[in-house]
Amino acid sequence: MTTVGSVSSLWRYPVKSMGGDAFDALDVGADGVVGDRNWAVRDEATGKVRGAKDIAVLMQCRARYLEEPAAGEGPKPVEITTPAGNETLRSDDARVDERLSELLGASVALVPAVDRGPFFDALHLHLLTSRSLDTLAGLAPSSVIDVRRFRPNVVIDLREDAGGGEFPEQAWIGRSVRIGGVAADVVYQCPRCAMVTRPFDDLPEDLDIQRTIVRHADQNLGVYAVVREPGRIAAGDAVTLG
């Protein structure tokens, strides 16, 4: 195993497509970060889960757990803050679906993950290097390249001698990685959709971000990994490749 860097920041998103928070340390189970994307908004007309690719305002909502989740337990209740920041909705409130439907302009229900596991777009862990973010910032100098747009679980600061080019994690496909107490296998790239262009918090809409990723990185930024050995990750933990 070769040490290539260390953990810069850790992120968890209780509700799919809604804002989450950064943490100093997070537990990772067999299905990824414990509590990550354990809730989602379901379209009641189609029965399908909806994301910010279809309903942009989802990105302007924020979610947090009312009780810290634990591995092996069901989804814990969440509190959602609406875009204006002047209203909070609880998952255990009888009116939550009605209010979300009014807010999102569609008949929806807030649903927990049960048998199918977390509401991931792809795999368990989303890894992103700060070098890739710096590269993107250099390619799109008029854009605000903020890690929050890209919704990773683990952001990694690479050593100067780590190699790998401008988007180094792309070279990790097919390799094993150890991050703190977690071992995982890097499986494939993370393709980027319109979500990275959406406005939320203090970030404006920016269509040029997706165009730049398509033009210079074959539409990919970051990688997905499958957890092989659950454990705990903390900021500053070493990242090694096998």
C-alpha atoms as a PDB file:
ATOM      1  CA  MET A   1       0.000   0.000   0.000  1.00  0.00           C
ATOM      2  CA  THR A   2       1.252   3.479  -0.901  1.00  0.00           C
ATOM      3  CA  THR A   3       0.256   6.572   1.071  1.00  0.00           C
ATOM      4  CA  VAL A   4      -1.053   9.176  -1.372  1.00  0.00           C
ATOM      5  CA  GLY A   5      -2.656  11.733   0.895  1.00  0.00           C
ATOM      6  CA  SER A   6      -5.013  12.379   3.794  1.00  0.00           C
ATOM      7  CA  VAL A   7      -8.678  13.093   4.465  1.00  0.00           C
ATOM      8  CA  SER A   8      -9.511  16.777   4.088  1.00  0.00           C
ATOM      9  CA  SER A   9     -13.243  16.671   4.877  1.00  0.00           C
ATOM     10  CA  LEU A  10     -16.138  14.242   5.362  1.00  0.00           C
ATOM     11  CA  TRP A  11     -19.745  14.741   4.283  1.00  0.00           C
ATOM     12  CA  ARG A  12     -23.128  13.128   4.907  1.00  0.00           C
ATOM     13  CA  TYR A  13     -26.482  13.866   3.254  1.00  0.00           C
ATOM     14  CA  PRO A  14     -29.483  12.494   5.208  1.00  0.00           C
ATOM     15  CA  VAL A  15     -31.958  13.140   2.348  1.00  0.00           C
ATOM     16  CA  LYS A  16     -31.114  12.439  -1.279  1.00  0.00           C
ATOM     17  CA  SER A  17     -30.473  15.692  -3.225  1.00  0.00           C
ATOM     18  CA  MET A  18     -30.784  17.898  -0.143  1.00  0.00           C
ATOM     19  CA  GLY A  19     -27.915  19.682   1.582  1.00  0.00           C
ATOM     20  CA  GLY A  20     -25.962  17.888   4.280  1.00  0.00           C
ATOM     21  CA  ASP A  21     -23.102  18.687   6.623  1.00  0.00           C
ATOM     22  CA  ALA A  22     -19.371  18.230   7.072  1.00  0.00           C
ATOM     23  CA  PHE A  23     -18.089  16.146   9.988  1.00  0.00           C
ATOM     24  CA  ASP A  24     -14.803  15.616  11.781  1.00  0.00           C
ATOM     25  CA  ALA A  25     -15.406  11.846  11.764  1.00  0.00           C
ATOM     26  CA  LEU A  26     -17.999   9.430  10.379  1.00  0.00           C
ATOM     27  CA  ASP A  27     -18.740   5.721  10.725  1.00  0.00           C
ATOM     28  CA  VAL A  28     -18.860   3.743   7.499  1.00  0.00           C
ATOM     29  CA  GLY A  29     -20.841   0.517   7.257  1.00  0.00           C
ATOM     30  CA  ALA A  30     -21.144  -2.084   4.532  1.00  0.00           C
ATOM     31  CA  ASP A  31     -23.553   0.244   2.673  1.00  0.00           C
ATOM     32  CA  GLY A  32     -21.462   3.410   2.970  1.00  0.00           C
ATOM     33  CA  VAL A  33     -21.475   6.306   5.439  1.00  0.00           C
ATOM     34  CA  VAL A  34     -23.937   5.466   8.195  1.00  0.00           C
ATOM     35  CA  GLY A  35     -27.057   7.593   7.681  1.00  0.00           C
ATOM     36  CA  ASP A  36     -26.077   8.787   4.208  1.00  0.00           C
ATOM     37  CA  ARG A  37     -29.064   9.254   1.876  1.00  0.00           C
ATOM     38  CA  ASN A  38     -31.378   7.251   4.136  1.00  0.00           C
ATOM     39  CA  TRP A  39     -34.351   9.373   3.040  1.00  0.00           C
ATOM     40  CA  ALA A  40     -35.647  10.509  -0.347  1.00  0.00           C
ATOM     41  CA  VAL A  41     -38.579  12.252  -1.988  1.00  0.00           C
ATOM     42  CA  ARG A  42     -40.894   9.941  -3.948  1.00  0.00           C
ATOM     43  CA  ASP A  43     -43.163  11.135  -6.730  1.00  0.00           C
ATOM     44  CA  GLU A  44     -46.629   9.887  -5.795  1.00  0.00           C
ATOM     45  CA  ALA A  45     -47.822   9.928  -9.408  1.00  0.00           C
ATOM     46  CA  THR A  46     -45.091   7.618 -10.703  1.00  0.00           C
ATOM     47  CA  GLY A  47     -43.867   5.920  -7.534  1.00  0.00           C
ATOM     48  CA  LYS A  48     -40.289   6.849  -8.446  1.00  0.00           C
ATOM     49  CA  VAL A  49     -37.705   8.612  -6.312  1.00  0.00           C
ATOM     50  CA  ARG A  50     -36.998  12.146  -7.520  1.00  0.00           C
ATOM     51  CA  GLY A  51     -33.751  14.086  -7.283  1.00  0.00           C
ATOM     52  CA  ALA A  52     -32.528  17.616  -7.925  1.00  0.00           C
ATOM     53  CA  LYS A  53     -31.859  16.745 -11.557  1.00  0.00           C
ATOM     54  CA  ASP A  54     -35.658  16.828 -11.948  1.00  0.00           C
ATOM     55  CA  ILE A  55     -36.684  19.080  -9.024  1.00  0.00           C
ATOM     56  CA  ALA A  56     -34.012  21.750  -8.655  1.00  0.00           C
ATOM     57  CA  VAL A  57     -35.421  23.239  -5.444  1.00  0.00           C
ATOM     58  CA  LEU A  58     -34.439  20.068  -3.555  1.00  0.00           C
ATOM     59  CA  MET A  59     -30.845  21.342  -3.549  1.00  0.00           C
ATOM     60  CA  GLN A  60     -32.027  24.446  -1.705  1.00  0.00           C
ATOM     61  CA  CYS A  61     -33.339  22.405   1.220  1.00  0.00           C
ATOM     62  CA  ARG A  62     -31.102  21.188   4.040  1.00  0.00           C
ATOM     63  CA  ALA A  63     -31.529  18.114   6.207  1.00  0.00           C
ATOM     64  CA  ARG A  64     -30.107  16.956   9.517  1.00  0.00           C
ATOM     65  CA  TYR A  65     -30.775  14.058  11.863  1.00  0.00           C
ATOM     66  CA  LEU A  66     -32.671  14.672  15.071  1.00  0.00           C
ATOM     67  CA  GLU A  67     -30.874  11.643  16.507  1.00  0.00           C
ATOM     68  CA  GLU A  68     -27.494  10.374  15.362  1.00  0.00           C
ATOM     69  CA  PRO A  69     -27.915   7.200  13.229  1.00  0.00           C
ATOM     70  CA  ALA A  70     -26.107   3.972  14.047  1.00  0.00           C
ATOM     71  CA  ALA A  71     -25.049   1.056  11.869  1.00  0.00           C
ATOM     72  CA  GLY A  72     -27.607  -1.726  11.663  1.00  0.00           C
ATOM     73  CA  GLU A  73     -30.510   0.470  12.735  1.00  0.00           C
ATOM     74  CA  GLY A  74     -33.319   1.873  10.622  1.00  0.00           C
ATOM     75  CA  PRO A  75     -33.417   5.480   9.374  1.00  0.00           C
ATOM     76  CA  LYS A  76     -33.646   8.059  12.167  1.00  0.00           C
ATOM     77  CA  PRO A  77     -36.024  11.050  11.986  1.00  0.00           C
ATOM     78  CA  VAL A  78     -34.772  14.084  10.081  1.00  0.00           C
ATOM     79  CA  GLU A  79     -35.474  17.784  10.160  1.00  0.00           C
ATOM     80  CA  ILE A  80     -35.629  19.666   6.850  1.00  0.00           C
ATOM     81  CA  THR A  81     -35.000  23.386   6.557  1.00  0.00           C
ATOM     82  CA  THR A  82     -36.806  25.002   3.613  1.00  0.00           C
ATOM     83  CA  PRO A  83     -34.994  27.242   1.080  1.00  0.00           C
ATOM     84  CA  ALA A  84     -35.945  30.511   2.767  1.00  0.00           C
ATOM     85  CA  GLY A  85     -34.612  29.145   6.049  1.00  0.00           C
ATOM     86  CA  ASN A  86     -37.699  30.274   7.948  1.00  0.00           C
ATOM     87  CA  GLU A  87     -39.473  26.922   8.201  1.00  0.00           C
ATOM     88  CA  THR A  88     -38.474  23.471   9.394  1.00  0.00           C
ATOM     89  CA  LEU A  89     -40.266  20.218   8.633  1.00  0.00           C
ATOM     90  CA  ARG A  90     -39.862  16.976  10.550  1.00  0.00           C
ATOM     91  CA  SER A  91     -40.100  13.547   8.962  1.00  0.00           C
ATOM     92  CA  ASP A  92     -42.394  12.432  11.797  1.00  0.00           C
ATOM     93  CA  ASP A  93     -44.805  15.340  11.270  1.00  0.00           C
ATOM     94  CA  ALA A  94     -48.133  14.253   9.761  1.00  0.00           C
ATOM     95  CA  ARG A  95     -48.080  17.271   7.406  1.00  0.00           C
ATOM     96  CA  VAL A  96     -44.559  16.814   6.044  1.00  0.00           C
ATOM     97  CA  ASP A  97     -45.681  15.298   2.717  1.00  0.00           C
ATOM     98  CA  GLU A  98     -48.340  17.956   2.182  1.00  0.00           C
ATOM     99  CA  ARG A  99     -45.907  20.776   2.891  1.00  0.00           C
ATOM    100  CA  LEU A 100     -43.136  19.294   0.727  1.00  0.00           C
ATOM    101  CA  SER A 101     -45.610  18.861  -2.116  1.00  0.00           C
ATOM    102  CA  GLU A 102     -46.534  22.540  -1.896  1.00  0.00           C
ATOM    103  CA  LEU A 103     -42.878  23.538  -1.765  1.00  0.00           C
ATOM    104  CA  LEU A 104     -41.746  21.346  -4.665  1.00  0.00           C
ATOM    105  CA  GLY A 105     -44.779  21.836  -6.885  1.00  0.00           C
ATOM    106  CA  ALA A 106     -45.526  18.117  -7.199  1.00  0.00           C
ATOM    107  CA  SER A 107     -47.311  15.443  -5.185  1.00  0.00           C
ATOM    108  CA  VAL A 108     -44.480  13.818  -3.218  1.00  0.00           C
ATOM    109  CA  ALA A 109     -43.821  11.792  -0.081  1.00  0.00           C
ATOM    110  CA  LEU A 110     -40.730  11.745   2.123  1.00  0.00           C
ATOM    111  CA  VAL A 111     -39.790   8.069   2.389  1.00  0.00           C
ATOM    112  CA  PRO A 112     -37.115   6.165   4.355  1.00  0.00           C
ATOM    113  CA  ALA A 113     -34.797   3.549   2.931  1.00  0.00           C
ATOM    114  CA  VAL A 114     -35.875   0.094   4.027  1.00  0.00           C
ATOM    115  CA  ASP A 115     -35.201  -3.088   2.044  1.00  0.00           C
ATOM    116  CA  ARG A 116     -33.373  -1.547  -0.917  1.00  0.00           C
ATOM    117  CA  GLY A 117     -30.781   0.223   1.193  1.00  0.00           C
ATOM    118  CA  PRO A 118     -29.707   3.885   0.924  1.00  0.00           C
ATOM    119  CA  PHE A 119     -30.891   6.005  -2.004  1.00  0.00           C
ATOM    120  CA  PHE A 120     -27.554   6.153  -3.810  1.00  0.00           C
ATOM    121  CA  ASP A 121     -27.244   7.077  -7.472  1.00  0.00           C
ATOM    122  CA  ALA A 122     -24.508   4.474  -7.743  1.00  0.00           C
ATOM    123  CA  LEU A 123     -22.264   2.933  -5.079  1.00  0.00           C
ATOM    124  CA  HIS A 124     -21.401   3.206  -1.401  1.00  0.00           C
ATOM    125  CA  LEU A 125     -18.693   5.865  -1.206  1.00  0.00           C
ATOM    126  CA  HIS A 126     -18.074   8.920  -3.337  1.00  0.00           C
ATOM    127  CA  LEU A 127     -14.420  10.021  -3.260  1.00  0.00           C
ATOM    128  CA  LEU A 128     -13.087  13.313  -4.614  1.00  0.00           C
ATOM    129  CA  THR A 129      -9.623  14.847  -4.484  1.00  0.00           C
ATOM    130  CA  SER A 130      -8.944  18.508  -3.827  1.00  0.00           C
ATOM    131  CA  ARG A 131      -6.570  18.411  -6.797  1.00  0.00           C
ATOM    132  CA  SER A 132      -9.482  17.691  -9.116  1.00  0.00           C
ATOM    133  CA  LEU A 133     -11.363  20.647  -7.647  1.00  0.00           C
ATOM    134  CA  ASP A 134      -8.310  22.865  -8.123  1.00  0.00           C
ATOM    135  CA  THR A 135      -7.959  21.657 -11.713  1.00  0.00           C
ATOM    136  CA  LEU A 136     -11.607  22.447 -12.420  1.00  0.00           C
ATOM    137  CA  ALA A 137     -11.214  25.899 -10.860  1.00  0.00           C
ATOM    138  CA  GLY A 138      -8.316  26.585 -13.191  1.00  0.00           C
ATOM    139  CA  LEU A 139     -10.308  25.470 -16.224  1.00  0.00           C
ATOM    140  CA  ALA A 140     -13.354  27.543 -15.257  1.00  0.00           C
ATOM    141  CA  PRO A 141     -11.946  30.716 -13.659  1.00  0.00           C
ATOM    142  CA  SER A 142     -15.254  32.568 -13.816  1.00  0.00           C
ATOM    143  CA  SER A 143     -17.081  29.815 -11.903  1.00  0.00           C
ATOM    144  CA  VAL A 144     -17.312  29.239  -8.150  1.00  0.00           C
ATOM    145  CA  ILE A 145     -15.933  25.712  -7.695  1.00  0.00           C
ATOM    146  CA  ASP A 146     -17.225  24.746  -4.270  1.00  0.00           C
ATOM    147  CA  VAL A 147     -17.060  21.188  -2.929  1.00  0.00           C
ATOM    148  CA  ARG A 148     -20.718  21.410  -1.887  1.00  0.00           C
ATOM    149  CA  ARG A 149     -21.793  21.329  -5.544  1.00  0.00           C
ATOM    150  CA  PHE A 150     -20.351  17.838  -5.999  1.00  0.00           C
ATOM    151  CA  ARG A 151     -21.680  16.090  -2.871  1.00  0.00           C
ATOM    152  CA  PRO A 152     -18.747  13.762  -2.063  1.00  0.00           C
ATOM    153  CA  ASN A 153     -18.470  11.680   1.094  1.00  0.00           C
ATOM    154  CA  VAL A 154     -14.687  11.941   1.367  1.00  0.00           C
ATOM    155  CA  VAL A 155     -12.489  14.775   0.093  1.00  0.00           C
ATOM    156  CA  ILE A 156      -8.809  13.851  -0.132  1.00  0.00           C
ATOM    157  CA  ASP A 157      -5.768  16.113  -0.110  1.00  0.00           C
ATOM    158  CA  LEU A 158      -3.016  14.452  -2.143  1.00  0.00           C
ATOM    159  CA  ARG A 159       0.686  14.573  -1.496  1.00  0.00           C
ATOM    160  CA  GLU A 160       2.663  16.511  -4.092  1.00  0.00           C
ATOM    161  CA  ASP A 161       4.423  13.321  -5.175  1.00  0.00           C
ATOM    162  CA  ALA A 162       1.199  11.284  -5.465  1.00  0.00           C
ATOM    163  CA  GLY A 163       1.077  11.560  -9.261  1.00  0.00           C
ATOM    164  CA  GLY A 164      -2.037  10.827 -11.264  1.00  0.00           C
ATOM    165  CA  GLY A 165      -2.355  14.008 -13.298  1.00  0.00           C
ATOM    166  CA  GLU A 166      -4.988  16.724 -13.124  1.00  0.00           C
ATOM    167  CA  PHE A 167      -7.873  14.417 -12.137  1.00  0.00           C
ATOM    168  CA  PRO A 168      -5.839  11.828 -10.205  1.00  0.00           C
ATOM    169  CA  GLU A 169      -8.593   9.665  -8.726  1.00  0.00           C
ATOM    170  CA  GLN A 170      -9.576   8.562 -12.233  1.00  0.00           C
ATOM    171  CA  ALA A 171      -6.409   6.444 -12.198  1.00  0.00           C
ATOM    172  CA  TRP A 172      -7.640   4.614  -9.097  1.00  0.00           C
ATOM    173  CA  ILE A 173     -10.299   2.616 -10.942  1.00  0.00           C
ATOM    174  CA  GLY A 174      -9.741  -1.091 -10.219  1.00  0.00           C
ATOM    175  CA  ARG A 175      -7.510  -0.405  -7.211  1.00  0.00           C
ATOM    176  CA  SER A 176      -8.081  -0.847  -3.484  1.00  0.00           C
ATOM    177  CA  VAL A 177      -7.982   2.105  -1.117  1.00  0.00           C
ATOM    178  CA  ARG A 178      -7.719   2.369   2.644  1.00  0.00           C
ATOM    179  CA  ILE A 179      -9.069   5.508   4.290  1.00  0.00           C
ATOM    180  CA  GLY A 180      -8.608   5.510   8.043  1.00  0.00           C
ATOM    181  CA  GLY A 181     -10.305   2.363   9.303  1.00  0.00           C
ATOM    182  CA  VAL A 182     -12.160   1.675   6.046  1.00  0.00           C
ATOM    183  CA  ALA A 183     -11.047  -0.482   3.130  1.00  0.00           C
ATOM    184  CA  ALA A 184     -12.803  -0.119  -0.220  1.00  0.00           C
ATOM    185  CA  ASP A 185     -12.465  -0.964  -3.897  1.00  0.00           C
ATOM    186  CA  VAL A 186     -12.653   1.876  -6.427  1.00  0.00           C
ATOM    187  CA  VAL A 187     -15.037   0.759  -9.163  1.00  0.00           C
ATOM    188  CA  TYR A 188     -15.823   3.554 -11.622  1.00  0.00           C
ATOM    189  CA  GLN A 189     -15.976   7.271 -12.331  1.00  0.00           C
ATOM    190  CA  CYS A 190     -18.687   9.636 -11.147  1.00  0.00           C
ATOM    191  CA  PRO A 191     -20.506  11.095 -14.174  1.00  0.00           C
ATOM    192  CA  ARG A 192     -21.845  14.603 -13.650  1.00  0.00           C
ATOM    193  CA  CYS A 193     -25.333  15.824 -14.490  1.00  0.00           C
ATOM    194  CA  ALA A 194     -27.163  19.141 -14.175  1.00  0.00           C
ATOM    195  CA  MET A 195     -27.121  18.930 -10.364  1.00  0.00           C
ATOM    196  CA  VAL A 196     -23.680  20.544 -10.252  1.00  0.00           C
ATOM    197  CA  THR A 197     -25.130  23.641 -11.932  1.00  0.00           C
ATOM    198  CA  ARG A 198     -28.032  24.219  -9.503  1.00  0.00           C
ATOM    199  CA  PRO A 199     -28.211  27.295  -7.257  1.00  0.00           C
ATOM    200  CA  PHE A 200     -28.323  26.767  -3.488  1.00  0.00           C
ATOM    201  CA  ASP A 201     -27.117  28.463  -0.309  1.00  0.00           C
ATOM    202  CA  ASP A 202     -24.750  31.203  -1.509  1.00  0.00           C
ATOM    203  CA  LEU A 203     -23.934  29.499  -4.832  1.00  0.00           C
ATOM    204  CA  PRO A 204     -25.504  30.805  -8.070  1.00  0.00           C
ATOM    205  CA  GLU A 205     -26.708  28.750 -10.996  1.00  0.00           C
ATOM    206  CA  ASP A 206     -23.718  28.041 -13.252  1.00  0.00           C
ATOM    207  CA  LEU A 207     -24.227  26.034 -16.440  1.00  0.00           C
ATOM    208  CA  ASP A 208     -20.576  26.429 -17.404  1.00  0.00           C
ATOM    209  CA  ILE A 209     -19.465  24.030 -14.663  1.00  0.00           C
ATOM    210  CA  GLN A 210     -21.060  21.017 -16.323  1.00  0.00           C
ATOM    211  CA  ARG A 211     -19.827  22.111 -19.758  1.00  0.00           C
ATOM    212  CA  THR A 212     -16.269  22.344 -18.429  1.00  0.00           C
ATOM    213  CA  ILE A 213     -16.416  18.867 -16.867  1.00  0.00           C
ATOM    214  CA  VAL A 214     -17.772  17.417 -20.109  1.00  0.00           C
ATOM    215  CA  ARG A 215     -15.151  19.189 -22.218  1.00  0.00           C
ATOM    216  CA  HIS A 216     -12.078  18.461 -20.102  1.00  0.00           C
ATOM    217  CA  ALA A 217     -12.870  15.383 -17.999  1.00  0.00           C
ATOM    218  CA  ASP A 218     -15.184  13.303 -20.195  1.00  0.00           C
ATOM    219  CA  GLN A 219     -18.094  14.361 -17.925  1.00  0.00           C
ATOM    220  CA  ASN A 220     -16.539  12.678 -14.837  1.00  0.00           C
ATOM    221  CA  LEU A 221     -15.379  14.159 -11.548  1.00  0.00           C
ATOM    222  CA  GLY A 222     -14.585  11.930  -8.575  1.00  0.00           C
ATOM    223  CA  VAL A 223     -14.984   8.161  -8.249  1.00  0.00           C
ATOM    224  CA  TYR A 224     -17.272   5.615  -6.611  1.00  0.00           C
ATOM    225  CA  ALA A 225     -16.039   2.852  -4.326  1.00  0.00           C
ATOM    226  CA  VAL A 226     -17.535  -0.271  -2.737  1.00  0.00           C
ATOM    227  CA  VAL A 227     -16.871  -0.796   0.971  1.00  0.00           C
ATOM    228  CA  ARG A 228     -14.927  -3.979   1.668  1.00  0.00           C
ATOM    229  CA  GLU A 229     -14.116  -3.385   5.337  1.00  0.00           C
ATOM    230  CA  PRO A 230     -16.351  -1.073   7.410  1.00  0.00           C
ATOM    231  CA  GLY A 231     -14.844   1.232  10.017  1.00  0.00           C
ATOM    232  CA  ARG A 232     -14.434   4.843  11.001  1.00  0.00           C
ATOM    233  CA  ILE A 233     -12.907   7.730   9.053  1.00  0.00           C
ATOM    234  CA  ALA A 234     -11.688  10.976  10.596  1.00  0.00           C
ATOM    235  CA  ALA A 235     -10.310  14.171   9.101  1.00  0.00           C
ATOM    236  CA  GLY A 236      -6.552  13.844   8.765  1.00  0.00           C
ATOM    237  CA  ASP A 237      -6.583  10.053   8.353  1.00  0.00           C
ATOM    238  CA  ALA A 238      -4.087   8.649   5.891  1.00  0.00           C
ATOM    239  CA  VAL A 239      -5.274   7.510   2.441  1.00  0.00           C
ATOM    240  CA  THR A 240      -3.348   4.604   0.913  1.00  0.00           C
ATOM    241  CA  LEU A 241      -3.669   2.823  -2.426  1.00  0.00           C
ATOM    242  CA  GLY A 242      -3.048  -0.829  -3.123  1.00  0.00           C
END
